[in-house]
Amino acid sequence: MTAGAIAEDGPAKQLFGAQPLPTLGAPQSDGFYAKGCLAGGVALPVDGPTWQVMRLSRNRRWGHPRMISLLERLSRDAAAKDGWSGLLVGDISQPRGGPMLTGHASHQVGLDADVWLTPMPKHRFTNQERETVEATSMLKGDTLFVDPDKWSASRAALLKRAASYPEVERIFVHPGIKKKLCDTVQGDRSWMAKIRPYWGHYYHFHIRIKCQAGSPNCKPQEPTGIDDGCGKPLAWWFTDEPWKKKPEPAKPVKPRVMMLSDLPKVCAQVLNAPGPNSAAEVTYGAGGTVAAPAKAAAPAAAYAPDDETLPEDVPVPGQKP
């Protein structure tokens, strides 16, 4: 990656959404979860002993190696210890991160992943089934509350397992799921501080891990603290306030498109950096290593953060599978 390899400015989601493969070299998350990019990403294999990747046409099974490793570990631990047959994995990140064409504002730096609350079946889905099979909502009808006929102790155990890993910083779930945990979890509740209520997330949960070593330009969030989150902040979600529709403006306002120049400066270099010959070269194996060694490229140049590169405080994950 050279100083001259700079992409021309343009809509960031189109530029990053068009990249089929990641960059080579050391992994590095640049920017914030909702305003950044990813160098040196690797892919989660489409199939593993205890996971299957869904919605393959989106090409969003890429992430920081620590994120991919964690998903594989969670799938194994949950199958062996929590009675969960396996993970159905949704969106992680695009090959080079960045804004997505549809569905998310976060998932941009390879440190976010969506996992369905539908257990993996015994059979392997066809590629067509992975595009069309619907995830199961955990809610009762059009209410904000969990359907007791759909919820299970194994789902609570899966969330607890995910929250138990020290690198996991937050797990987003629907407010109804958070309330279900608050009402039913007995004994140790310290892990529940990581379980955060948010819009959507009624059929899946969203894992977010911390900025990793080797990513000095990664922008962290504030720590969650130690409160279990079952008090006033959760009660707010069961008032009318969060669900009110914003009044229509007097004049239509055209949404501002995020441009490449809005992202950390190094993302322009990430966009134009050399990549591998195929996805197989940079697919993370079940044994914990990349399938084949890739030729290393020079690491991304550091950028000097300024006011324009600072992220928004709250990401808005997608709400559809």
Protein backbone atom coordinates (compact mmCIF):
# COMPACT_ATOMS: atom_id res chain seq x y z
CA MET A 1 0.00 0.00 0.00
CA THR A 2 1.75 3.14 -1.14
CA ALA A 3 1.16 6.76 -0.37
CA GLY A 4 0.15 7.28 -4.01
CA ALA A 5 -2.54 4.59 -3.92
CA ILE A 6 -5.43 6.89 -3.11
CA ALA A 7 -8.97 6.32 -4.37
CA GLU A 8 -10.94 9.17 -5.85
CA ASP A 9 -13.68 10.57 -3.65
CA GLY A 10 -17.18 9.19 -4.09
CA PRO A 11 -20.09 7.60 -2.17
CA ALA A 12 -18.37 5.34 0.36
CA LYS A 13 -20.99 2.59 0.35
CA GLN A 14 -20.71 2.11 -3.41
CA LEU A 15 -16.92 2.11 -3.31
CA PHE A 16 -16.60 -0.37 -0.44
CA GLY A 17 -19.59 -2.44 -1.49
CA ALA A 18 -17.91 -3.11 -4.84
CA GLN A 19 -14.78 -4.67 -3.28
CA PRO A 20 -14.92 -8.49 -3.62
CA LEU A 21 -11.82 -9.29 -1.55
CA PRO A 22 -9.89 -7.81 1.41
CA THR A 23 -6.44 -6.25 1.48
CA LEU A 24 -3.36 -8.30 2.23
CA GLY A 25 -1.22 -7.71 5.29
CA ALA A 26 -1.73 -7.29 9.01
CA PRO A 27 -5.30 -6.74 10.25
CA GLN A 28 -6.19 -3.19 11.21
CA SER A 29 -9.53 -1.60 12.10
CA ASP A 30 -9.54 2.10 11.25
CA GLY A 31 -12.12 4.52 12.62
CA PHE A 32 -15.34 3.80 14.48
CA TYR A 33 -17.77 0.92 14.20
CA ALA A 34 -20.11 3.17 12.19
CA LYS A 35 -17.47 5.22 10.36
CA GLY A 36 -14.38 3.37 9.24
CA CYS A 37 -12.83 0.54 7.27
CA LEU A 38 -10.89 -2.71 7.64
CA ALA A 39 -7.49 -3.79 6.35
CA GLY A 40 -6.29 -7.39 6.45
CA GLY A 41 -9.71 -8.94 6.99
CA VAL A 42 -10.34 -12.68 6.75
CA ALA A 43 -13.46 -14.69 5.91
CA LEU A 44 -15.45 -17.04 8.08
CA PRO A 45 -15.76 -20.34 6.17
CA VAL A 46 -19.23 -20.78 4.69
CA ASP A 47 -19.65 -24.02 6.66
CA GLY A 48 -18.11 -25.32 9.85
CA PRO A 49 -18.88 -28.18 12.21
CA THR A 50 -21.05 -25.91 14.35
CA TRP A 51 -21.96 -22.98 12.09
CA GLN A 52 -23.39 -22.00 8.73
CA VAL A 53 -23.14 -18.58 7.08
CA MET A 54 -26.37 -17.10 5.76
CA ARG A 55 -27.12 -14.61 2.95
CA LEU A 56 -23.96 -15.45 1.02
CA SER A 57 -24.82 -13.13 -1.86
CA ARG A 58 -24.11 -10.15 0.40
CA ASN A 59 -20.42 -11.10 0.74
CA ARG A 60 -20.39 -9.97 4.36
CA ARG A 61 -18.64 -12.90 6.04
CA TRP A 62 -15.44 -10.91 6.53
CA GLY A 63 -13.95 -9.51 9.70
CA HIS A 64 -10.92 -8.92 11.87
CA PRO A 65 -9.32 -12.32 12.58
CA ARG A 66 -10.19 -11.96 16.29
CA MET A 67 -13.86 -11.55 15.36
CA ILE A 68 -13.84 -14.59 13.11
CA SER A 69 -11.97 -16.63 15.71
CA LEU A 70 -14.50 -15.65 18.36
CA LEU A 71 -17.45 -16.75 16.22
CA GLU A 72 -15.87 -20.15 15.67
CA ARG A 73 -15.13 -20.47 19.38
CA LEU A 74 -18.64 -19.42 20.37
CA SER A 75 -20.14 -21.96 17.99
CA ARG A 76 -18.07 -24.77 19.48
CA ASP A 77 -18.55 -23.76 23.12
CA ALA A 78 -22.30 -23.27 22.76
CA ALA A 79 -22.70 -26.66 21.06
CA ALA A 80 -20.60 -28.48 23.64
CA LYS A 81 -21.78 -26.73 26.81
CA ASP A 82 -25.10 -24.94 26.24
CA GLY A 83 -27.24 -27.28 24.18
CA TRP A 84 -27.12 -25.00 21.12
CA SER A 85 -26.82 -27.00 17.89
CA GLY A 86 -24.82 -24.40 16.03
CA LEU A 87 -24.74 -20.79 14.85
CA LEU A 88 -26.48 -19.30 11.84
CA VAL A 89 -24.23 -16.32 11.15
CA GLY A 90 -25.58 -13.23 9.42
CA ASP A 91 -23.67 -10.10 8.47
CA ILE A 92 -20.14 -9.50 9.78
CA SER A 93 -18.43 -6.96 7.50
CA GLN A 94 -17.60 -6.39 3.86
CA PRO A 95 -14.16 -7.52 2.66
CA ARG A 96 -12.66 -4.08 3.36
CA GLY A 97 -15.28 -2.95 5.82
CA GLY A 98 -16.72 0.48 5.20
CA PRO A 99 -20.36 1.53 4.83
CA MET A 100 -22.72 -1.08 3.38
CA LEU A 101 -25.12 -0.62 0.51
CA THR A 102 -28.03 -1.84 2.67
CA GLY A 103 -28.93 -2.78 6.20
CA HIS A 104 -26.40 -1.31 8.60
CA ALA A 105 -24.66 1.83 9.70
CA SER A 106 -22.19 -0.10 11.84
CA HIS A 107 -20.26 -3.30 10.91
CA GLN A 108 -17.64 -1.10 9.21
CA VAL A 109 -14.39 -2.07 10.94
CA GLY A 110 -14.67 -5.86 11.16
CA LEU A 111 -15.54 -5.97 14.86
CA ASP A 112 -19.34 -6.54 14.64
CA ALA A 113 -21.27 -9.70 13.80
CA ASP A 114 -24.92 -10.76 13.71
CA VAL A 115 -25.93 -14.21 14.95
CA TRP A 116 -29.44 -15.53 14.46
CA LEU A 117 -31.48 -16.71 17.43
CA THR A 118 -32.65 -19.60 15.25
CA PRO A 119 -30.60 -22.73 15.97
CA MET A 120 -28.70 -24.39 13.15
CA PRO A 121 -30.60 -27.38 11.72
CA LYS A 122 -29.02 -30.79 11.28
CA HIS A 123 -28.91 -30.47 7.50
CA ARG A 124 -26.79 -28.06 5.47
CA PHE A 125 -28.71 -25.31 3.73
CA THR A 126 -28.35 -24.95 0.00
CA ASN A 127 -27.12 -21.58 -1.25
CA GLN A 128 -30.68 -20.77 -2.28
CA GLU A 129 -32.05 -21.64 1.16
CA ARG A 130 -29.44 -19.39 2.77
CA GLU A 131 -30.96 -16.51 0.80
CA THR A 132 -34.63 -17.27 1.53
CA VAL A 133 -34.92 -19.01 4.92
CA GLU A 134 -36.42 -16.56 7.42
CA ALA A 135 -35.09 -16.10 10.91
CA THR A 136 -37.59 -16.53 13.74
CA SER A 137 -38.72 -13.47 15.67
CA MET A 138 -38.61 -13.99 19.42
CA LEU A 139 -41.53 -11.58 20.00
CA LYS A 140 -45.17 -12.35 20.60
CA GLY A 141 -47.12 -10.94 17.68
CA ASP A 142 -46.58 -7.21 17.26
CA THR A 143 -45.81 -6.65 20.94
CA LEU A 144 -42.54 -5.65 22.58
CA PHE A 145 -42.47 -8.82 24.67
CA VAL A 146 -40.86 -12.20 24.14
CA ASP A 147 -43.14 -15.09 23.23
CA PRO A 148 -42.62 -17.70 25.97
CA ASP A 149 -43.34 -20.45 23.45
CA LYS A 150 -40.36 -19.33 21.35
CA TRP A 151 -37.84 -18.43 24.04
CA SER A 152 -35.67 -21.10 25.64
CA ALA A 153 -33.04 -21.52 28.31
CA SER A 154 -30.55 -22.43 25.57
CA ARG A 155 -30.97 -18.97 24.00
CA ALA A 156 -30.26 -17.30 27.33
CA ALA A 157 -27.24 -19.59 27.75
CA LEU A 158 -26.00 -18.64 24.27
CA LEU A 159 -26.14 -14.94 25.11
CA LYS A 160 -24.40 -15.53 28.42
CA ARG A 161 -21.71 -17.55 26.68
CA ALA A 162 -21.10 -14.77 24.14
CA ALA A 163 -20.95 -12.13 26.89
CA SER A 164 -18.46 -14.23 28.88
CA TYR A 165 -15.59 -13.62 26.45
CA PRO A 166 -13.44 -10.70 27.61
CA GLU A 167 -13.01 -9.28 24.10
CA VAL A 168 -16.79 -8.90 23.72
CA GLU A 169 -17.75 -5.35 24.65
CA ARG A 170 -21.46 -5.19 23.83
CA ILE A 171 -24.27 -7.45 22.65
CA PHE A 172 -27.32 -5.73 21.16
CA VAL A 173 -30.73 -7.38 21.55
CA HIS A 174 -34.35 -6.26 21.27
CA PRO A 175 -35.60 -4.54 24.46
CA GLY A 176 -38.07 -7.40 24.94
CA ILE A 177 -35.22 -9.91 25.02
CA LYS A 178 -33.31 -7.79 27.53
CA LYS A 179 -36.43 -7.63 29.70
CA LYS A 180 -36.86 -11.40 29.47
CA LEU A 181 -33.33 -11.86 30.76
CA CYS A 182 -33.87 -9.29 33.52
CA ASP A 183 -37.01 -11.13 34.65
CA THR A 184 -35.58 -14.65 34.55
CA VAL A 185 -31.80 -14.77 35.06
CA GLN A 186 -30.86 -16.02 38.51
CA GLY A 187 -27.50 -16.00 40.29
CA ASP A 188 -24.61 -14.22 38.59
CA ARG A 189 -25.92 -11.32 36.53
CA SER A 190 -22.64 -9.48 35.97
CA TRP A 191 -22.54 -10.52 32.30
CA MET A 192 -25.84 -8.74 31.67
CA ALA A 193 -24.11 -5.35 31.69
CA LYS A 194 -22.94 -6.21 28.17
CA ILE A 195 -26.47 -6.98 26.94
CA ARG A 196 -27.79 -3.71 25.52
CA PRO A 197 -31.36 -3.08 24.31
CA TYR A 198 -31.71 -1.57 20.85
CA TRP A 199 -34.17 -1.24 17.99
CA GLY A 200 -34.58 -4.34 15.85
CA HIS A 201 -32.62 -7.40 17.03
CA TYR A 202 -35.76 -9.44 17.68
CA TYR A 203 -34.54 -12.38 15.56
CA HIS A 204 -30.78 -12.05 16.07
CA PHE A 205 -28.18 -10.61 18.42
CA HIS A 206 -25.30 -8.36 17.47
CA ILE A 207 -21.87 -9.07 18.94
CA ARG A 208 -19.38 -6.20 19.16
CA ILE A 209 -15.80 -6.76 20.24
CA LYS A 210 -13.26 -4.22 21.46
CA CYS A 211 -10.66 -2.45 19.36
CA GLN A 212 -7.84 -4.93 18.94
CA ALA A 213 -4.08 -4.62 19.35
CA GLY A 214 -2.41 -3.46 16.17
CA SER A 215 -5.23 -1.02 15.36
CA PRO A 216 -4.07 2.30 16.86
CA ASN A 217 -6.61 4.26 14.81
CA CYS A 218 -9.61 2.24 16.01
CA LYS A 219 -12.09 4.41 17.94
CA PRO A 220 -13.52 2.66 21.02
CA GLN A 221 -16.86 3.18 22.73
CA GLU A 222 -17.26 4.10 26.36
CA PRO A 223 -17.20 1.06 28.68
CA THR A 224 -20.59 -0.38 29.57
CA GLY A 225 -20.03 -0.27 33.32
CA ILE A 226 -21.16 -2.95 35.74
CA ASP A 227 -24.88 -2.22 36.16
CA ASP A 228 -27.08 -5.05 34.85
CA GLY A 229 -29.16 -2.53 32.88
CA CYS A 230 -32.51 -3.71 34.23
CA GLY A 231 -33.62 -0.40 35.76
CA LYS A 232 -34.72 2.94 34.33
CA PRO A 233 -32.80 2.72 31.05
CA LEU A 234 -34.66 -0.47 30.17
CA ALA A 235 -38.01 0.88 31.35
CA TRP A 236 -37.65 3.74 28.85
CA TRP A 237 -37.96 1.28 26.00
CA PHE A 238 -41.43 0.32 27.20
CA THR A 239 -42.78 3.86 26.97
CA ASP A 240 -44.04 5.57 23.82
CA GLU A 241 -40.94 7.75 23.47
CA PRO A 242 -38.60 5.37 21.60
CA TRP A 243 -41.24 4.41 19.07
CA LYS A 244 -42.60 7.83 18.12
CA LYS A 245 -42.31 8.69 14.45
CA LYS A 246 -40.44 11.86 13.71
CA PRO A 247 -42.65 14.59 12.25
CA GLU A 248 -42.32 15.07 8.51
CA PRO A 249 -40.22 18.13 7.63
CA ALA A 250 -41.96 21.01 5.90
CA LYS A 251 -39.67 20.49 2.93
CA PRO A 252 -38.27 17.09 1.94
CA VAL A 253 -34.68 16.71 3.07
CA LYS A 254 -32.38 14.65 0.90
CA PRO A 255 -30.32 12.31 3.10
CA ARG A 256 -26.62 13.15 3.10
CA VAL A 257 -24.55 10.43 1.51
CA MET A 258 -21.40 9.42 3.38
CA MET A 259 -18.43 10.05 1.11
CA LEU A 260 -15.06 8.37 1.12
CA SER A 261 -13.60 11.68 2.31
CA ASP A 262 -15.83 11.47 5.41
CA LEU A 263 -14.02 8.31 6.56
CA PRO A 264 -10.58 8.17 8.16
CA LYS A 265 -8.00 9.24 5.61
CA VAL A 266 -6.32 5.83 5.54
CA CYS A 267 -9.54 4.27 4.17
CA ALA A 268 -8.76 5.68 0.72
CA GLN A 269 -5.55 3.64 0.77
CA VAL A 270 -7.37 0.57 2.07
CA LEU A 271 -9.77 0.84 -0.84
CA ASN A 272 -6.97 0.69 -3.43
CA ALA A 273 -4.59 -1.70 -1.67
CA PRO A 274 -3.65 -5.02 -3.31
CA GLY A 275 -5.68 -8.07 -2.42
CA PRO A 276 -5.37 -11.88 -2.63
CA ASN A 277 -6.08 -13.94 -5.72
CA SER A 278 -9.08 -15.64 -4.14
CA ALA A 279 -11.20 -15.80 -1.00
CA ALA A 280 -9.75 -19.23 -0.23
CA GLU A 281 -6.36 -17.64 0.48
CA VAL A 282 -7.80 -15.51 3.29
CA THR A 283 -10.47 -17.78 4.75
CA TYR A 284 -10.04 -18.49 8.45
CA GLY A 285 -9.88 -22.24 9.09
CA ALA A 286 -11.67 -24.12 11.83
CA GLY A 287 -8.27 -24.85 13.30
CA GLY A 288 -7.66 -21.16 13.94
CA THR A 289 -5.40 -20.27 11.03
CA VAL A 290 -5.84 -18.65 7.64
CA ALA A 291 -6.26 -21.38 5.02
CA ALA A 292 -3.18 -20.36 3.03
CA PRO A 293 -0.55 -17.73 3.73
CA ALA A 294 -1.02 -14.53 1.78
CA LYS A 295 1.77 -12.32 0.54
CA ALA A 296 2.12 -9.49 3.03
CA ALA A 297 1.56 -5.91 1.96
CA ALA A 298 2.82 -2.80 3.67
CA PRO A 299 0.59 -1.79 6.60
CA ALA A 300 -1.86 1.04 6.15
CA ALA A 301 -0.39 4.45 6.84
CA ALA A 302 -1.51 6.09 10.06
CA TYR A 303 -3.83 9.06 9.81
CA ALA A 304 -4.16 12.07 12.09
CA PRO A 305 -7.70 12.18 13.51
CA ASP A 306 -9.49 15.49 13.42
CA ASP A 307 -12.99 16.74 14.18
CA GLU A 308 -14.30 15.56 10.83
CA THR A 309 -13.23 11.97 11.44
CA LEU A 310 -14.81 11.61 14.87
CA PRO A 311 -17.68 9.09 14.81
CA GLU A 312 -21.26 9.39 15.89
CA ASP A 313 -21.89 8.03 19.36
CA VAL A 314 -24.72 5.62 18.49
CA PRO A 315 -24.62 3.10 15.65
CA VAL A 316 -27.85 2.01 13.96
CA PRO A 317 -27.64 -1.69 13.13
CA GLY A 318 -29.99 -3.07 10.50
CA GLN A 319 -33.33 -4.58 11.43
CA LYS A 320 -33.85 -7.11 8.64
CA PRO A 321 -32.18 -10.51 8.18
